[in-house]
Amino acid sequence: MKITFDIDATPQELRTFFGLPDIEPLQNEMLELIKKNMAMGTEGFDPATLMKPFLPETITAMQKTFWQAMLGQKPMDSDQAE
């Protein structure tokens, strides 16, 4: 049996429905900083370096964190992880 749902909702409505945080202010702040640095021609400017403090060590860790949050599980300590 296959069931299909068509949901007519904006991304913001879905984030609110799933209880995800509103990160629009952070996104706007980061975009303004990136635009400013790019306009100034800052040598060695790297957006990935700018975001590093906000992201887990690896993408895999970030994915695990998202899945745990979606499943309502408590995040694992680093010594409990693989």
C-alpha atoms as a PDB file:
ATOM      1  CA  MET A   1       0.000   0.000   0.000  1.00  0.00           C
ATOM      2  CA  LYS A   2       1.281   3.449  -0.851  1.00  0.00           C
ATOM      3  CA  ILE A   3      -0.026   6.665   0.672  1.00  0.00           C
ATOM      4  CA  THR A   4       0.820  10.101  -0.667  1.00  0.00           C
ATOM      5  CA  PHE A   5       0.249  13.449   1.031  1.00  0.00           C
ATOM      6  CA  ASP A   6       0.403  16.787  -0.730  1.00  0.00           C
ATOM      7  CA  ILE A   7       1.071  19.581   1.741  1.00  0.00           C
ATOM      8  CA  ASP A   8       0.605  23.173   0.659  1.00  0.00           C
ATOM      9  CA  ALA A   9       2.771  25.116   3.105  1.00  0.00           C
ATOM     10  CA  THR A  10       5.614  27.579   3.037  1.00  0.00           C
ATOM     11  CA  PRO A  11       9.024  26.560   4.404  1.00  0.00           C
ATOM     12  CA  GLN A  12       8.450  28.874   7.393  1.00  0.00           C
ATOM     13  CA  GLU A  13       5.091  27.208   8.138  1.00  0.00           C
ATOM     14  CA  LEU A  14       6.722  23.758   8.069  1.00  0.00           C
ATOM     15  CA  ARG A  15       9.576  24.851  10.338  1.00  0.00           C
ATOM     16  CA  THR A  16       7.023  26.218  12.803  1.00  0.00           C
ATOM     17  CA  PHE A  17       4.915  23.042  12.577  1.00  0.00           C
ATOM     18  CA  PHE A  18       7.926  20.828  13.330  1.00  0.00           C
ATOM     19  CA  GLY A  19       9.051  23.145  16.145  1.00  0.00           C
ATOM     20  CA  LEU A  20      12.314  24.129  14.482  1.00  0.00           C
ATOM     21  CA  PRO A  21      13.886  27.431  15.519  1.00  0.00           C
ATOM     22  CA  ASP A  22      13.483  30.610  13.488  1.00  0.00           C
ATOM     23  CA  ILE A  23      16.995  31.202  12.156  1.00  0.00           C
ATOM     24  CA  GLU A  24      16.079  34.001   9.759  1.00  0.00           C
ATOM     25  CA  PRO A  25      17.742  36.713  11.915  1.00  0.00           C
ATOM     26  CA  LEU A  26      20.977  34.664  12.026  1.00  0.00           C
ATOM     27  CA  GLN A  27      20.809  34.053   8.265  1.00  0.00           C
ATOM     28  CA  ASN A  28      20.323  37.762   7.583  1.00  0.00           C
ATOM     29  CA  GLU A  29      23.217  38.709   9.867  1.00  0.00           C
ATOM     30  CA  MET A  30      25.534  36.149   8.262  1.00  0.00           C
ATOM     31  CA  LEU A  31      24.558  37.212   4.730  1.00  0.00           C
ATOM     32  CA  GLU A  32      25.231  40.869   5.553  1.00  0.00           C
ATOM     33  CA  LEU A  33      28.662  39.966   6.947  1.00  0.00           C
ATOM     34  CA  ILE A  34      29.476  37.862   3.880  1.00  0.00           C
ATOM     35  CA  LYS A  35      28.316  40.630   1.522  1.00  0.00           C
ATOM     36  CA  LYS A  36      30.374  43.211   3.414  1.00  0.00           C
ATOM     37  CA  ASN A  37      33.537  41.091   3.307  1.00  0.00           C
ATOM     38  CA  MET A  38      33.056  40.239  -0.355  1.00  0.00           C
ATOM     39  CA  ALA A  39      32.492  43.901  -1.252  1.00  0.00           C
ATOM     40  CA  MET A  40      35.645  44.888   0.635  1.00  0.00           C
ATOM     41  CA  GLY A  41      37.576  42.204  -1.223  1.00  0.00           C
ATOM     42  CA  THR A  42      38.925  40.795   2.014  1.00  0.00           C
ATOM     43  CA  GLU A  43      41.877  38.591   1.153  1.00  0.00           C
ATOM     44  CA  GLY A  44      41.496  35.017   2.298  1.00  0.00           C
ATOM     45  CA  PHE A  45      37.829  35.488   3.153  1.00  0.00           C
ATOM     46  CA  ASP A  46      36.192  32.091   3.418  1.00  0.00           C
ATOM     47  CA  PRO A  47      32.451  31.780   4.292  1.00  0.00           C
ATOM     48  CA  ALA A  48      33.019  28.221   5.576  1.00  0.00           C
ATOM     49  CA  THR A  49      35.482  29.547   8.170  1.00  0.00           C
ATOM     50  CA  LEU A  50      32.901  32.121   9.198  1.00  0.00           C
ATOM     51  CA  MET A  51      30.291  29.412   9.841  1.00  0.00           C
ATOM     52  CA  LYS A  52      32.642  26.939  11.566  1.00  0.00           C
ATOM     53  CA  PRO A  53      31.810  28.038  15.156  1.00  0.00           C
ATOM     54  CA  PHE A  54      28.108  27.430  14.476  1.00  0.00           C
ATOM     55  CA  LEU A  55      28.418  23.945  12.943  1.00  0.00           C
ATOM     56  CA  PRO A  56      29.372  20.558  14.418  1.00  0.00           C
ATOM     57  CA  GLU A  57      32.778  19.112  13.575  1.00  0.00           C
ATOM     58  CA  THR A  58      31.536  17.099  10.622  1.00  0.00           C
ATOM     59  CA  ILE A  59      28.454  16.974   8.448  1.00  0.00           C
ATOM     60  CA  THR A  60      27.795  13.462   9.771  1.00  0.00           C
ATOM     61  CA  ALA A  61      27.642  14.816  13.321  1.00  0.00           C
ATOM     62  CA  MET A  62      25.255  17.527  12.169  1.00  0.00           C
ATOM     63  CA  GLN A  63      22.998  14.953  10.488  1.00  0.00           C
ATOM     64  CA  LYS A  64      22.949  12.824  13.639  1.00  0.00           C
ATOM     65  CA  THR A  65      22.062  15.896  15.701  1.00  0.00           C
ATOM     66  CA  PHE A  66      19.160  16.754  13.380  1.00  0.00           C
ATOM     67  CA  TRP A  67      17.827  13.192  13.423  1.00  0.00           C
ATOM     68  CA  GLN A  68      18.052  13.020  17.208  1.00  0.00           C
ATOM     69  CA  ALA A  69      16.198  16.331  17.498  1.00  0.00           C
ATOM     70  CA  MET A  70      13.497  15.175  15.084  1.00  0.00           C
ATOM     71  CA  LEU A  71      13.051  11.906  16.965  1.00  0.00           C
ATOM     72  CA  GLY A  72      12.944  13.729  20.301  1.00  0.00           C
ATOM     73  CA  GLN A  73      16.059  12.003  21.591  1.00  0.00           C
ATOM     74  CA  LYS A  74      18.598  13.564  23.900  1.00  0.00           C
ATOM     75  CA  PRO A  75      21.848  14.376  22.015  1.00  0.00           C
ATOM     76  CA  MET A  76      24.654  11.918  22.765  1.00  0.00           C
ATOM     77  CA  ASP A  77      27.810  13.046  24.523  1.00  0.00           C
ATOM     78  CA  SER A  78      30.963  12.958  22.417  1.00  0.00           C
ATOM     79  CA  ASP A  79      32.298   9.990  24.427  1.00  0.00           C
ATOM     80  CA  GLN A  80      29.078   8.017  23.738  1.00  0.00           C
ATOM     81  CA  ALA A  81      29.245   8.621  19.989  1.00  0.00           C
ATOM     82  CA  GLU A  82      30.839   6.015  17.739  1.00  0.00           C
END
